[in-house]
Amino acid sequence: MDRSAALVLEDGTVFPGTLVGASGVAAGEACFTTASTGYEEAATDPSYVAQVLCFAYPLVGNYGVDASRTESDRVQAEAIVMRTARPEWAAWLREQGVVAIADVDTRALVRRIREDGVLRCAVGDAPVADLHARALAEPPIDGRPLDRRVGVTEPKFVGSGPRVVLVDLGCKRSIPRRLAATGVEVAVVPGDWDADAILELQPRAVLVGNGPGDPAVLHGPIETVRELLGRVPLFGICLGHQLLGLALGLDTFKLPFGHRGANHPVRDASTGRVLVTVQNHGFAVQADEHVSHVSLNDGTVEGLAGEDFASVQFHPEAAPGPLDGLPFFDQVATACRAARIFARS
């Protein structure tokens, strides 16, 4: 059986490969991760909605598949691209119905994205001309309201202790687990809840989690964050960090090729300490006086802090990766224990 397949960029560049996942065609924005482990976590991270994920590391699936490592209930990336895929991993992707190809020159693809910026693409076992047409039909992520296929639809509660509300715009499962491990109750609520609905739960603090897409088009969540500022200790991770920046009046912008991987150095401006962090984002916040962390790769903002708010662009929960960012959850828990229960005005 012919299992030839390809990835075709919007400019017509073809990267041939072999179909190892489900048959069909998928399209999205081509991006890459530099992590050498954590392929289950990456593929199921909701932040990869509308993106085709290329693994820069040349061998994917070498320690099997562990369902307990997944960060959501399905693969969220539109398609998976690899140099070499181990059989168990490829079989799992087929079971998940995910278009995936291997035997791709991923080094050349990563270099292309780094040099020319993100490009739309299509992946699959269709003719090259059809894949090119599908890539051109895919709308860009920036400025586009994504179909919110991620996040809880009803509140759920994890752990016990003083309450933190976690606003779920596509949050990784490991974030509420890590936060609950600090001795707090985490109330995970839908991302479209407004400030009044959140405050009805009488939280000691609010954390806005990660998720996919362009933060600037999420007008409802931005307004929610703006209304919560000064009324309850407020924290953000990744997309939540960007929404906090927008609520503070800062601008966001699209990065040339994003930050994705488990080896990104970040400097804590208050201590000078360098953290090795896990990251997955394609947008960043413009700098101002609230900057608390800075990327040592490109100088972009990696954190904001003020009297009653703090956020980080990186992923403190790791899952997988270095644990340098874990103290952020202790910061949330400490603020939660110190805060009064909100009295609605």
C-alpha atoms as a PDB file:
ATOM      1  CA  MET A   1       0.000   0.000   0.000  1.00  0.00           C
ATOM      2  CA  ASP A   2       1.317   3.440  -0.942  1.00  0.00           C
ATOM      3  CA  ARG A   3       1.816   5.442   2.242  1.00  0.00           C
ATOM      4  CA  SER A   4       3.521   8.449   0.687  1.00  0.00           C
ATOM      5  CA  ALA A   5       2.488  11.796   2.127  1.00  0.00           C
ATOM      6  CA  ALA A   6       3.740  15.360   2.370  1.00  0.00           C
ATOM      7  CA  LEU A   7       3.647  18.691   4.128  1.00  0.00           C
ATOM      8  CA  VAL A   8       3.133  21.600   1.740  1.00  0.00           C
ATOM      9  CA  LEU A   9       3.727  25.181   2.843  1.00  0.00           C
ATOM     10  CA  GLU A  10       1.570  28.057   1.606  1.00  0.00           C
ATOM     11  CA  ASP A  11       4.366  29.164  -0.741  1.00  0.00           C
ATOM     12  CA  GLY A  12       4.311  25.757  -2.437  1.00  0.00           C
ATOM     13  CA  THR A  13       7.408  24.255  -0.788  1.00  0.00           C
ATOM     14  CA  VAL A  14       7.003  20.488  -0.442  1.00  0.00           C
ATOM     15  CA  PHE A  15       8.403  18.341   2.369  1.00  0.00           C
ATOM     16  CA  PRO A  16       7.793  14.693   1.411  1.00  0.00           C
ATOM     17  CA  GLY A  17       7.245  12.016   4.039  1.00  0.00           C
ATOM     18  CA  THR A  18       5.464   8.811   4.949  1.00  0.00           C
ATOM     19  CA  LEU A  19       1.985   8.575   6.424  1.00  0.00           C
ATOM     20  CA  VAL A  20       2.169   7.009   9.909  1.00  0.00           C
ATOM     21  CA  GLY A  21      -1.020   8.418  11.439  1.00  0.00           C
ATOM     22  CA  ALA A  22      -4.559   8.565  10.134  1.00  0.00           C
ATOM     23  CA  SER A  23      -5.250   9.033   6.438  1.00  0.00           C
ATOM     24  CA  GLY A  24      -6.612  12.371   5.308  1.00  0.00           C
ATOM     25  CA  VAL A  25      -5.624  16.038   5.172  1.00  0.00           C
ATOM     26  CA  ALA A  26      -5.152  18.544   7.997  1.00  0.00           C
ATOM     27  CA  ALA A  27      -4.108  22.185   7.848  1.00  0.00           C
ATOM     28  CA  GLY A  28      -2.868  24.859  10.209  1.00  0.00           C
ATOM     29  CA  GLU A  29       0.049  27.061  11.078  1.00  0.00           C
ATOM     30  CA  ALA A  30       3.366  25.210  10.958  1.00  0.00           C
ATOM     31  CA  CYS A  31       5.284  25.419  14.229  1.00  0.00           C
ATOM     32  CA  PHE A  32       7.968  23.417  16.006  1.00  0.00           C
ATOM     33  CA  THR A  33       8.951  22.362  19.508  1.00  0.00           C
ATOM     34  CA  THR A  34      12.551  21.809  20.582  1.00  0.00           C
ATOM     35  CA  ALA A  35      11.702  19.468  23.490  1.00  0.00           C
ATOM     36  CA  SER A  36      13.270  16.000  23.347  1.00  0.00           C
ATOM     37  CA  THR A  37      10.642  14.449  25.643  1.00  0.00           C
ATOM     38  CA  GLY A  38       6.996  15.044  26.413  1.00  0.00           C
ATOM     39  CA  TYR A  39       5.487  14.216  23.065  1.00  0.00           C
ATOM     40  CA  GLU A  40       2.205  13.063  24.665  1.00  0.00           C
ATOM     41  CA  GLU A  41       1.948  16.328  26.610  1.00  0.00           C
ATOM     42  CA  ALA A  42       2.781  18.455  23.570  1.00  0.00           C
ATOM     43  CA  ALA A  43       0.341  16.770  21.208  1.00  0.00           C
ATOM     44  CA  THR A  44      -2.541  17.085  23.699  1.00  0.00           C
ATOM     45  CA  ASP A  45      -1.815  20.649  24.846  1.00  0.00           C
ATOM     46  CA  PRO A  46      -4.841  22.782  23.852  1.00  0.00           C
ATOM     47  CA  SER A  47      -2.522  25.646  22.954  1.00  0.00           C
ATOM     48  CA  TYR A  48      -1.747  23.754  19.717  1.00  0.00           C
ATOM     49  CA  VAL A  49      -5.275  24.149  18.294  1.00  0.00           C
ATOM     50  CA  ALA A  50      -5.036  25.351  14.659  1.00  0.00           C
ATOM     51  CA  GLN A  51      -1.342  24.430  14.464  1.00  0.00           C
ATOM     52  CA  VAL A  52       0.623  21.672  12.759  1.00  0.00           C
ATOM     53  CA  LEU A  53       3.266  20.526  15.228  1.00  0.00           C
ATOM     54  CA  CYS A  54       6.734  19.554  14.027  1.00  0.00           C
ATOM     55  CA  PHE A  55       9.068  17.862  16.501  1.00  0.00           C
ATOM     56  CA  ALA A  56      12.627  19.136  16.074  1.00  0.00           C
ATOM     57  CA  TYR A  57      13.995  16.179  18.044  1.00  0.00           C
ATOM     58  CA  PRO A  58      14.625  13.399  15.489  1.00  0.00           C
ATOM     59  CA  LEU A  59      13.083  10.414  17.346  1.00  0.00           C
ATOM     60  CA  VAL A  60       9.563  10.641  18.755  1.00  0.00           C
ATOM     61  CA  GLY A  61       7.823   7.919  20.758  1.00  0.00           C
ATOM     62  CA  ASN A  62      10.918   6.196  22.122  1.00  0.00           C
ATOM     63  CA  TYR A  63       9.424   5.574  25.597  1.00  0.00           C
ATOM     64  CA  GLY A  64       5.962   4.513  24.487  1.00  0.00           C
ATOM     65  CA  VAL A  65       2.642   6.183  25.236  1.00  0.00           C
ATOM     66  CA  ASP A  66       1.340   6.845  28.747  1.00  0.00           C
ATOM     67  CA  ALA A  67      -2.236   8.146  28.825  1.00  0.00           C
ATOM     68  CA  SER A  68      -1.663   9.641  32.286  1.00  0.00           C
ATOM     69  CA  ARG A  69       0.719  12.157  30.710  1.00  0.00           C
ATOM     70  CA  THR A  70      -1.873  13.673  28.374  1.00  0.00           C
ATOM     71  CA  GLU A  71      -2.868  17.295  28.975  1.00  0.00           C
ATOM     72  CA  SER A  72      -6.411  17.047  27.585  1.00  0.00           C
ATOM     73  CA  ASP A  73      -8.824  14.375  26.378  1.00  0.00           C
ATOM     74  CA  ARG A  74      -7.523  14.288  22.786  1.00  0.00           C
ATOM     75  CA  VAL A  75      -4.712  15.344  20.476  1.00  0.00           C
ATOM     76  CA  GLN A  76      -5.162  19.075  19.953  1.00  0.00           C
ATOM     77  CA  ALA A  77      -2.572  19.726  17.231  1.00  0.00           C
ATOM     78  CA  GLU A  78      -4.110  19.586  13.757  1.00  0.00           C
ATOM     79  CA  ALA A  79      -1.346  17.254  12.533  1.00  0.00           C
ATOM     80  CA  ILE A  80       1.993  15.866  13.714  1.00  0.00           C
ATOM     81  CA  VAL A  81       5.244  15.956  11.710  1.00  0.00           C
ATOM     82  CA  MET A  82       8.370  13.948  12.654  1.00  0.00           C
ATOM     83  CA  ARG A  83      11.687  12.667  11.376  1.00  0.00           C
ATOM     84  CA  THR A  84      11.298   9.200  12.936  1.00  0.00           C
ATOM     85  CA  ALA A  85       8.248   7.862  14.772  1.00  0.00           C
ATOM     86  CA  ARG A  86       8.325   4.774  16.968  1.00  0.00           C
ATOM     87  CA  PRO A  87       5.597   2.201  16.091  1.00  0.00           C
ATOM     88  CA  GLU A  88       3.642   2.405  19.378  1.00  0.00           C
ATOM     89  CA  TRP A  89       3.423   6.182  19.153  1.00  0.00           C
ATOM     90  CA  ALA A  90       2.383   6.063  15.484  1.00  0.00           C
ATOM     91  CA  ALA A  91      -0.295   3.472  16.300  1.00  0.00           C
ATOM     92  CA  TRP A  92      -1.647   5.694  19.070  1.00  0.00           C
ATOM     93  CA  LEU A  93      -1.873   8.659  16.686  1.00  0.00           C
ATOM     94  CA  ARG A  94      -3.805   6.493  14.222  1.00  0.00           C
ATOM     95  CA  GLU A  95      -6.182   5.431  16.987  1.00  0.00           C
ATOM     96  CA  GLN A  96      -6.690   9.095  17.814  1.00  0.00           C
ATOM     97  CA  GLY A  97      -7.545   9.834  14.181  1.00  0.00           C
ATOM     98  CA  VAL A  98      -4.643  12.276  13.841  1.00  0.00           C
ATOM     99  CA  VAL A  99      -2.946  12.937  10.521  1.00  0.00           C
ATOM    100  CA  ALA A 100       0.763  12.320  11.138  1.00  0.00           C
ATOM    101  CA  ILE A 101       3.762  11.912   8.846  1.00  0.00           C
ATOM    102  CA  ALA A 102       7.345  10.783   9.408  1.00  0.00           C
ATOM    103  CA  ASP A 103      10.539  10.559   7.312  1.00  0.00           C
ATOM    104  CA  VAL A 104      10.364  14.338   6.919  1.00  0.00           C
ATOM    105  CA  ASP A 105      13.497  16.493   6.799  1.00  0.00           C
ATOM    106  CA  THR A 106      12.440  18.234  10.013  1.00  0.00           C
ATOM    107  CA  ARG A 107      15.781  20.001  10.337  1.00  0.00           C
ATOM    108  CA  ALA A 108      15.165  21.786   7.031  1.00  0.00           C
ATOM    109  CA  LEU A 109      11.559  22.551   8.004  1.00  0.00           C
ATOM    110  CA  VAL A 110      12.578  24.022  11.365  1.00  0.00           C
ATOM    111  CA  ARG A 111      15.289  26.134   9.740  1.00  0.00           C
ATOM    112  CA  ARG A 112      12.755  27.385   7.212  1.00  0.00           C
ATOM    113  CA  ILE A 113      10.300  28.447   9.934  1.00  0.00           C
ATOM    114  CA  ARG A 114      13.087  30.120  11.934  1.00  0.00           C
ATOM    115  CA  GLU A 115      14.331  32.071   8.915  1.00  0.00           C
ATOM    116  CA  ASP A 116      11.025  33.021   7.273  1.00  0.00           C
ATOM    117  CA  GLY A 117       8.566  32.948  10.178  1.00  0.00           C
ATOM    118  CA  VAL A 118       5.452  30.849  10.622  1.00  0.00           C
ATOM    119  CA  LEU A 119       3.649  29.723   7.492  1.00  0.00           C
ATOM    120  CA  ARG A 120       0.339  28.034   6.877  1.00  0.00           C
ATOM    121  CA  CYS A 121       0.570  24.468   5.657  1.00  0.00           C
ATOM    122  CA  ALA A 122      -1.379  21.332   4.878  1.00  0.00           C
ATOM    123  CA  VAL A 123      -0.359  17.762   5.680  1.00  0.00           C
ATOM    124  CA  GLY A 124      -1.624  14.435   4.412  1.00  0.00           C
ATOM    125  CA  ASP A 125      -1.727  11.788   1.709  1.00  0.00           C
ATOM    126  CA  ALA A 126      -3.528  13.881  -0.927  1.00  0.00           C
ATOM    127  CA  PRO A 127      -1.873  15.124  -4.137  1.00  0.00           C
ATOM    128  CA  VAL A 128       0.553  18.002  -3.651  1.00  0.00           C
ATOM    129  CA  ALA A 129      -1.660  20.413  -5.594  1.00  0.00           C
ATOM    130  CA  ASP A 130      -4.588  19.648  -3.302  1.00  0.00           C
ATOM    131  CA  LEU A 131      -2.436  20.119  -0.213  1.00  0.00           C
ATOM    132  CA  HIS A 132      -1.193  23.469  -1.505  1.00  0.00           C
ATOM    133  CA  ALA A 133      -4.755  24.648  -2.141  1.00  0.00           C
ATOM    134  CA  ARG A 134      -5.766  23.549   1.350  1.00  0.00           C
ATOM    135  CA  ALA A 135      -2.834  25.448   2.882  1.00  0.00           C
ATOM    136  CA  LEU A 136      -3.828  28.629   1.056  1.00  0.00           C
ATOM    137  CA  ALA A 137      -7.432  28.234   2.239  1.00  0.00           C
ATOM    138  CA  GLU A 138      -6.406  28.067   5.911  1.00  0.00           C
ATOM    139  CA  PRO A 139      -7.010  31.443   7.628  1.00  0.00           C
ATOM    140  CA  PRO A 140      -4.092  32.894   9.642  1.00  0.00           C
ATOM    141  CA  ILE A 141      -4.215  32.559  13.422  1.00  0.00           C
ATOM    142  CA  ASP A 142      -3.506  36.230  14.131  1.00  0.00           C
ATOM    143  CA  GLY A 143      -6.707  38.235  14.227  1.00  0.00           C
ATOM    144  CA  ARG A 144      -8.812  35.087  13.998  1.00  0.00           C
ATOM    145  CA  PRO A 145     -11.272  34.034  16.699  1.00  0.00           C
ATOM    146  CA  LEU A 146     -10.572  30.314  17.078  1.00  0.00           C
ATOM    147  CA  ASP A 147     -13.380  27.852  17.564  1.00  0.00           C
ATOM    148  CA  ARG A 148     -13.230  27.409  21.348  1.00  0.00           C
ATOM    149  CA  ARG A 149     -13.104  23.623  21.313  1.00  0.00           C
ATOM    150  CA  VAL A 150     -11.158  23.499  24.546  1.00  0.00           C
ATOM    151  CA  GLY A 151     -11.812  24.052  28.245  1.00  0.00           C
ATOM    152  CA  VAL A 152     -14.465  22.928  30.692  1.00  0.00           C
ATOM    153  CA  THR A 153     -18.136  23.702  30.107  1.00  0.00           C
ATOM    154  CA  GLU A 154     -19.126  23.359  33.782  1.00  0.00           C
ATOM    155  CA  PRO A 155     -17.168  24.174  36.955  1.00  0.00           C
ATOM    156  CA  LYS A 156     -15.080  21.403  38.477  1.00  0.00           C
ATOM    157  CA  PHE A 157     -13.191  21.375  41.766  1.00  0.00           C
ATOM    158  CA  VAL A 158      -9.765  19.932  42.580  1.00  0.00           C
ATOM    159  CA  GLY A 159      -8.081  19.749  45.998  1.00  0.00           C
ATOM    160  CA  SER A 160      -9.088  21.373  49.279  1.00  0.00           C
ATOM    161  CA  GLY A 161      -8.274  24.539  51.192  1.00  0.00           C
ATOM    162  CA  PRO A 162      -8.733  28.229  50.427  1.00  0.00           C
ATOM    163  CA  ARG A 163     -10.226  28.648  46.967  1.00  0.00           C
ATOM    164  CA  VAL A 164      -8.493  29.735  43.785  1.00  0.00           C
ATOM    165  CA  VAL A 165     -10.596  30.117  40.646  1.00  0.00           C
ATOM    166  CA  LEU A 166      -8.809  28.910  37.510  1.00  0.00           C
ATOM    167  CA  VAL A 167     -10.258  30.401  34.319  1.00  0.00           C
ATOM    168  CA  ASP A 168     -10.014  27.688  31.670  1.00  0.00           C
ATOM    169  CA  LEU A 169      -9.415  28.963  28.132  1.00  0.00           C
ATOM    170  CA  GLY A 170      -7.684  25.724  27.145  1.00  0.00           C
ATOM    171  CA  CYS A 171      -5.765  24.948  30.293  1.00  0.00           C
ATOM    172  CA  LYS A 172      -3.376  21.999  30.590  1.00  0.00           C
ATOM    173  CA  ARG A 173      -4.549  19.384  33.099  1.00  0.00           C
ATOM    174  CA  SER A 174      -1.298  19.621  35.034  1.00  0.00           C
ATOM    175  CA  ILE A 175      -1.928  23.260  36.033  1.00  0.00           C
ATOM    176  CA  PRO A 176      -4.826  22.601  38.451  1.00  0.00           C
ATOM    177  CA  ARG A 177      -2.992  19.492  39.724  1.00  0.00           C
ATOM    178  CA  ARG A 178       0.169  21.465  40.501  1.00  0.00           C
ATOM    179  CA  LEU A 179      -1.802  24.271  42.098  1.00  0.00           C
ATOM    180  CA  ALA A 180      -3.912  21.927  44.232  1.00  0.00           C
ATOM    181  CA  ALA A 181      -0.715  20.282  45.472  1.00  0.00           C
ATOM    182  CA  THR A 182       0.102  23.544  47.308  1.00  0.00           C
ATOM    183  CA  GLY A 183      -2.892  23.002  49.627  1.00  0.00           C
ATOM    184  CA  VAL A 184      -5.618  25.040  47.955  1.00  0.00           C
ATOM    185  CA  GLU A 185      -8.941  24.209  46.361  1.00  0.00           C
ATOM    186  CA  VAL A 186      -8.947  24.921  42.631  1.00  0.00           C
ATOM    187  CA  ALA A 187     -12.295  25.791  41.060  1.00  0.00           C
ATOM    188  CA  VAL A 188     -11.844  25.363  37.298  1.00  0.00           C
ATOM    189  CA  VAL A 189     -14.443  27.473  35.458  1.00  0.00           C
ATOM    190  CA  PRO A 190     -15.275  28.050  31.771  1.00  0.00           C
ATOM    191  CA  GLY A 191     -13.307  30.715  29.971  1.00  0.00           C
ATOM    192  CA  ASP A 192     -16.432  32.699  29.070  1.00  0.00           C
ATOM    193  CA  TRP A 193     -17.412  33.378  32.702  1.00  0.00           C
ATOM    194  CA  ASP A 194     -17.527  37.065  33.538  1.00  0.00           C
ATOM    195  CA  ALA A 195     -16.116  38.731  36.653  1.00  0.00           C
ATOM    196  CA  ASP A 196     -19.401  38.614  38.582  1.00  0.00           C
ATOM    197  CA  ALA A 197     -19.816  34.879  37.997  1.00  0.00           C
ATOM    198  CA  ILE A 198     -16.230  34.262  39.108  1.00  0.00           C
ATOM    199  CA  LEU A 199     -16.601  36.372  42.238  1.00  0.00           C
ATOM    200  CA  GLU A 200     -19.798  34.522  43.158  1.00  0.00           C
ATOM    201  CA  LEU A 201     -17.506  31.625  44.083  1.00  0.00           C
ATOM    202  CA  GLN A 202     -15.778  33.878  46.642  1.00  0.00           C
ATOM    203  CA  PRO A 203     -12.206  33.054  45.586  1.00  0.00           C
ATOM    204  CA  ARG A 204      -9.158  34.188  47.509  1.00  0.00           C
ATOM    205  CA  ALA A 205      -7.327  34.511  44.164  1.00  0.00           C
ATOM    206  CA  VAL A 206      -7.954  34.057  40.429  1.00  0.00           C
ATOM    207  CA  LEU A 207      -5.592  32.410  37.942  1.00  0.00           C
ATOM    208  CA  VAL A 208      -6.143  32.717  34.182  1.00  0.00           C
ATOM    209  CA  GLY A 209      -4.642  29.728  32.393  1.00  0.00           C
ATOM    210  CA  ASN A 210      -3.148  29.009  29.015  1.00  0.00           C
ATOM    211  CA  GLY A 211      -4.948  28.391  25.730  1.00  0.00           C
ATOM    212  CA  PRO A 212      -4.697  28.795  21.955  1.00  0.00           C
ATOM    213  CA  GLY A 213      -4.923  31.708  19.586  1.00  0.00           C
ATOM    214  CA  ASP A 214      -4.475  35.456  19.326  1.00  0.00           C
ATOM    215  CA  PRO A 215      -5.120  37.060  22.739  1.00  0.00           C
ATOM    216  CA  ALA A 216      -6.157  40.398  21.251  1.00  0.00           C
ATOM    217  CA  VAL A 217      -9.401  38.972  19.820  1.00  0.00           C
ATOM    218  CA  LEU A 218     -10.594  37.586  23.184  1.00  0.00           C
ATOM    219  CA  HIS A 219     -12.534  40.709  24.123  1.00  0.00           C
ATOM    220  CA  GLY A 220     -14.735  39.039  26.742  1.00  0.00           C
ATOM    221  CA  PRO A 221     -11.881  37.503  28.766  1.00  0.00           C
ATOM    222  CA  ILE A 222      -9.880  40.739  28.503  1.00  0.00           C
ATOM    223  CA  GLU A 223     -12.787  42.663  30.019  1.00  0.00           C
ATOM    224  CA  THR A 224     -13.175  40.017  32.727  1.00  0.00           C
ATOM    225  CA  VAL A 225      -9.524  40.359  33.710  1.00  0.00           C
ATOM    226  CA  ARG A 226      -9.823  44.157  33.663  1.00  0.00           C
ATOM    227  CA  GLU A 227     -12.820  44.014  36.015  1.00  0.00           C
ATOM    228  CA  LEU A 228     -11.019  41.621  38.392  1.00  0.00           C
ATOM    229  CA  LEU A 229      -7.898  43.787  38.702  1.00  0.00           C
ATOM    230  CA  GLY A 230      -7.716  45.373  42.134  1.00  0.00           C
ATOM    231  CA  ARG A 231     -10.626  43.315  43.463  1.00  0.00           C
ATOM    232  CA  VAL A 232      -8.880  39.986  44.023  1.00  0.00           C
ATOM    233  CA  PRO A 233      -5.247  38.801  43.674  1.00  0.00           C
ATOM    234  CA  LEU A 234      -4.891  37.985  39.991  1.00  0.00           C
ATOM    235  CA  PHE A 235      -2.437  35.657  38.244  1.00  0.00           C
ATOM    236  CA  GLY A 236      -1.885  34.465  34.686  1.00  0.00           C
ATOM    237  CA  ILE A 237      -0.023  31.749  32.794  1.00  0.00           C
ATOM    238  CA  CYS A 238       0.830  32.003  29.071  1.00  0.00           C
ATOM    239  CA  LEU A 239      -2.419  33.187  27.394  1.00  0.00           C
ATOM    240  CA  GLY A 240      -3.549  34.399  30.827  1.00  0.00           C
ATOM    241  CA  HIS A 241      -0.358  36.471  31.039  1.00  0.00           C
ATOM    242  CA  GLN A 242      -1.124  38.027  27.658  1.00  0.00           C
ATOM    243  CA  LEU A 243      -4.710  38.803  28.653  1.00  0.00           C
ATOM    244  CA  LEU A 244      -3.443  40.481  31.829  1.00  0.00           C
ATOM    245  CA  GLY A 245      -1.117  42.613  29.721  1.00  0.00           C
ATOM    246  CA  LEU A 246      -3.981  43.650  27.443  1.00  0.00           C
ATOM    247  CA  ALA A 247      -6.181  44.427  30.464  1.00  0.00           C
ATOM    248  CA  LEU A 248      -3.403  46.681  31.778  1.00  0.00           C
ATOM    249  CA  GLY A 249      -3.424  48.613  28.489  1.00  0.00           C
ATOM    250  CA  LEU A 250      -0.369  46.956  26.929  1.00  0.00           C
ATOM    251  CA  ASP A 251      -0.193  45.650  23.373  1.00  0.00           C
ATOM    252  CA  THR A 252       0.496  42.104  22.205  1.00  0.00           C
ATOM    253  CA  PHE A 253       2.247  41.077  19.002  1.00  0.00           C
ATOM    254  CA  LYS A 254       2.948  37.910  17.060  1.00  0.00           C
ATOM    255  CA  LEU A 255       6.412  36.388  17.340  1.00  0.00           C
ATOM    256  CA  PRO A 256       8.229  35.393  14.140  1.00  0.00           C
ATOM    257  CA  PHE A 257       8.181  31.682  15.001  1.00  0.00           C
ATOM    258  CA  GLY A 258       7.099  31.452  18.632  1.00  0.00           C
ATOM    259  CA  HIS A 259       8.695  29.883  21.696  1.00  0.00           C
ATOM    260  CA  ARG A 260       8.019  26.159  22.074  1.00  0.00           C
ATOM    261  CA  GLY A 261      10.171  23.695  23.964  1.00  0.00           C
ATOM    262  CA  ALA A 262      11.591  22.773  27.362  1.00  0.00           C
ATOM    263  CA  ASN A 263      14.873  24.675  27.371  1.00  0.00           C
ATOM    264  CA  HIS A 264      14.120  28.413  27.243  1.00  0.00           C
ATOM    265  CA  PRO A 265      16.226  30.608  29.587  1.00  0.00           C
ATOM    266  CA  VAL A 266      14.357  33.362  31.434  1.00  0.00           C
ATOM    267  CA  ARG A 267      15.839  35.939  33.811  1.00  0.00           C
ATOM    268  CA  ASP A 268      13.956  36.950  36.948  1.00  0.00           C
ATOM    269  CA  ALA A 269      14.397  40.741  37.002  1.00  0.00           C
ATOM    270  CA  SER A 270      14.048  40.961  40.809  1.00  0.00           C
ATOM    271  CA  THR A 271      16.760  38.414  41.664  1.00  0.00           C
ATOM    272  CA  GLY A 272      18.837  38.059  38.514  1.00  0.00           C
ATOM    273  CA  ARG A 273      18.341  34.300  38.696  1.00  0.00           C
ATOM    274  CA  VAL A 274      18.036  32.478  35.375  1.00  0.00           C
ATOM    275  CA  LEU A 275      15.242  29.897  35.083  1.00  0.00           C
ATOM    276  CA  VAL A 276      15.186  27.171  32.452  1.00  0.00           C
ATOM    277  CA  THR A 277      11.552  27.051  31.373  1.00  0.00           C
ATOM    278  CA  VAL A 278       8.946  25.220  29.328  1.00  0.00           C
ATOM    279  CA  GLN A 279       7.204  27.392  26.761  1.00  0.00           C
ATOM    280  CA  ASN A 280       4.463  27.184  24.134  1.00  0.00           C
ATOM    281  CA  HIS A 281       3.290  30.489  22.711  1.00  0.00           C
ATOM    282  CA  GLY A 282       3.233  32.446  19.478  1.00  0.00           C
ATOM    283  CA  PHE A 283       2.364  35.893  20.864  1.00  0.00           C
ATOM    284  CA  ALA A 284       4.088  38.191  23.355  1.00  0.00           C
ATOM    285  CA  VAL A 285       3.353  41.293  25.454  1.00  0.00           C
ATOM    286  CA  GLN A 286       5.019  44.665  24.843  1.00  0.00           C
ATOM    287  CA  ALA A 287       7.326  45.760  27.652  1.00  0.00           C
ATOM    288  CA  ASP A 288       6.471  48.369  30.297  1.00  0.00           C
ATOM    289  CA  GLU A 289       7.339  49.101  33.928  1.00  0.00           C
ATOM    290  CA  HIS A 290       5.566  45.959  35.176  1.00  0.00           C
ATOM    291  CA  VAL A 291       8.053  43.509  33.592  1.00  0.00           C
ATOM    292  CA  SER A 292       9.205  40.842  36.065  1.00  0.00           C
ATOM    293  CA  HIS A 293      10.830  38.265  33.761  1.00  0.00           C
ATOM    294  CA  VAL A 294      12.681  38.530  30.434  1.00  0.00           C
ATOM    295  CA  SER A 295      13.610  35.960  27.790  1.00  0.00           C
ATOM    296  CA  LEU A 296      17.358  35.608  27.379  1.00  0.00           C
ATOM    297  CA  ASN A 297      16.869  34.334  23.832  1.00  0.00           C
ATOM    298  CA  ASP A 298      15.185  37.402  22.342  1.00  0.00           C
ATOM    299  CA  GLY A 299      14.502  39.873  25.181  1.00  0.00           C
ATOM    300  CA  THR A 300      10.721  39.499  25.072  1.00  0.00           C
ATOM    301  CA  VAL A 301       8.568  39.854  28.183  1.00  0.00           C
ATOM    302  CA  GLU A 302       8.205  36.629  30.195  1.00  0.00           C
ATOM    303  CA  GLY A 303       6.378  37.985  33.228  1.00  0.00           C
ATOM    304  CA  LEU A 304       4.469  40.902  34.721  1.00  0.00           C
ATOM    305  CA  ALA A 305       4.065  41.892  38.363  1.00  0.00           C
ATOM    306  CA  GLY A 306       2.281  44.561  40.345  1.00  0.00           C
ATOM    307  CA  GLU A 307       0.811  45.135  43.782  1.00  0.00           C
ATOM    308  CA  ASP A 308      -2.055  42.673  43.304  1.00  0.00           C
ATOM    309  CA  PHE A 309      -1.154  40.728  40.158  1.00  0.00           C
ATOM    310  CA  ALA A 310       1.585  38.545  38.687  1.00  0.00           C
ATOM    311  CA  SER A 311       1.904  36.502  35.531  1.00  0.00           C
ATOM    312  CA  VAL A 312       4.392  34.405  33.601  1.00  0.00           C
ATOM    313  CA  GLN A 313       4.602  33.719  29.888  1.00  0.00           C
ATOM    314  CA  PHE A 314       6.296  30.355  30.431  1.00  0.00           C
ATOM    315  CA  HIS A 315       4.669  27.210  31.853  1.00  0.00           C
ATOM    316  CA  PRO A 316       5.577  26.811  35.544  1.00  0.00           C
ATOM    317  CA  GLU A 317       3.888  23.404  35.759  1.00  0.00           C
ATOM    318  CA  ALA A 318       6.500  22.020  33.316  1.00  0.00           C
ATOM    319  CA  ALA A 319       4.856  18.715  32.236  1.00  0.00           C
ATOM    320  CA  PRO A 320       7.371  17.867  30.997  1.00  0.00           C
ATOM    321  CA  GLY A 321      10.567  19.776  31.567  1.00  0.00           C
ATOM    322  CA  PRO A 322      12.597  21.574  34.219  1.00  0.00           C
ATOM    323  CA  LEU A 323      10.847  22.496  37.446  1.00  0.00           C
ATOM    324  CA  ASP A 324      12.427  25.955  37.863  1.00  0.00           C
ATOM    325  CA  GLY A 325       9.039  27.670  37.504  1.00  0.00           C
ATOM    326  CA  LEU A 326       7.180  25.678  40.189  1.00  0.00           C
ATOM    327  CA  PRO A 327       7.542  28.419  42.856  1.00  0.00           C
ATOM    328  CA  PHE A 328       4.975  30.440  40.890  1.00  0.00           C
ATOM    329  CA  PHE A 329       2.278  28.127  42.269  1.00  0.00           C
ATOM    330  CA  ASP A 330       3.565  28.731  45.803  1.00  0.00           C
ATOM    331  CA  GLN A 331       3.225  32.465  45.089  1.00  0.00           C
ATOM    332  CA  VAL A 332      -0.412  31.955  44.081  1.00  0.00           C
ATOM    333  CA  ALA A 333      -1.102  29.824  47.151  1.00  0.00           C
ATOM    334  CA  THR A 334       0.558  32.336  49.492  1.00  0.00           C
ATOM    335  CA  ALA A 335      -1.515  35.194  48.070  1.00  0.00           C
ATOM    336  CA  CYS A 336      -4.607  33.023  48.349  1.00  0.00           C
ATOM    337  CA  ARG A 337      -4.051  32.326  52.049  1.00  0.00           C
ATOM    338  CA  ALA A 338      -3.306  35.963  52.824  1.00  0.00           C
ATOM    339  CA  ALA A 339      -6.265  37.427  50.936  1.00  0.00           C
ATOM    340  CA  ARG A 340      -9.612  38.113  52.505  1.00  0.00           C
ATOM    341  CA  ILE A 341     -12.668  36.420  51.055  1.00  0.00           C
ATOM    342  CA  PHE A 342     -14.060  38.848  48.517  1.00  0.00           C
ATOM    343  CA  ALA A 343     -17.039  40.855  49.729  1.00  0.00           C
ATOM    344  CA  ARG A 344     -19.110  41.817  46.696  1.00  0.00           C
ATOM    345  CA  SER A 345     -20.034  45.500  46.490  1.00  0.00           C
END
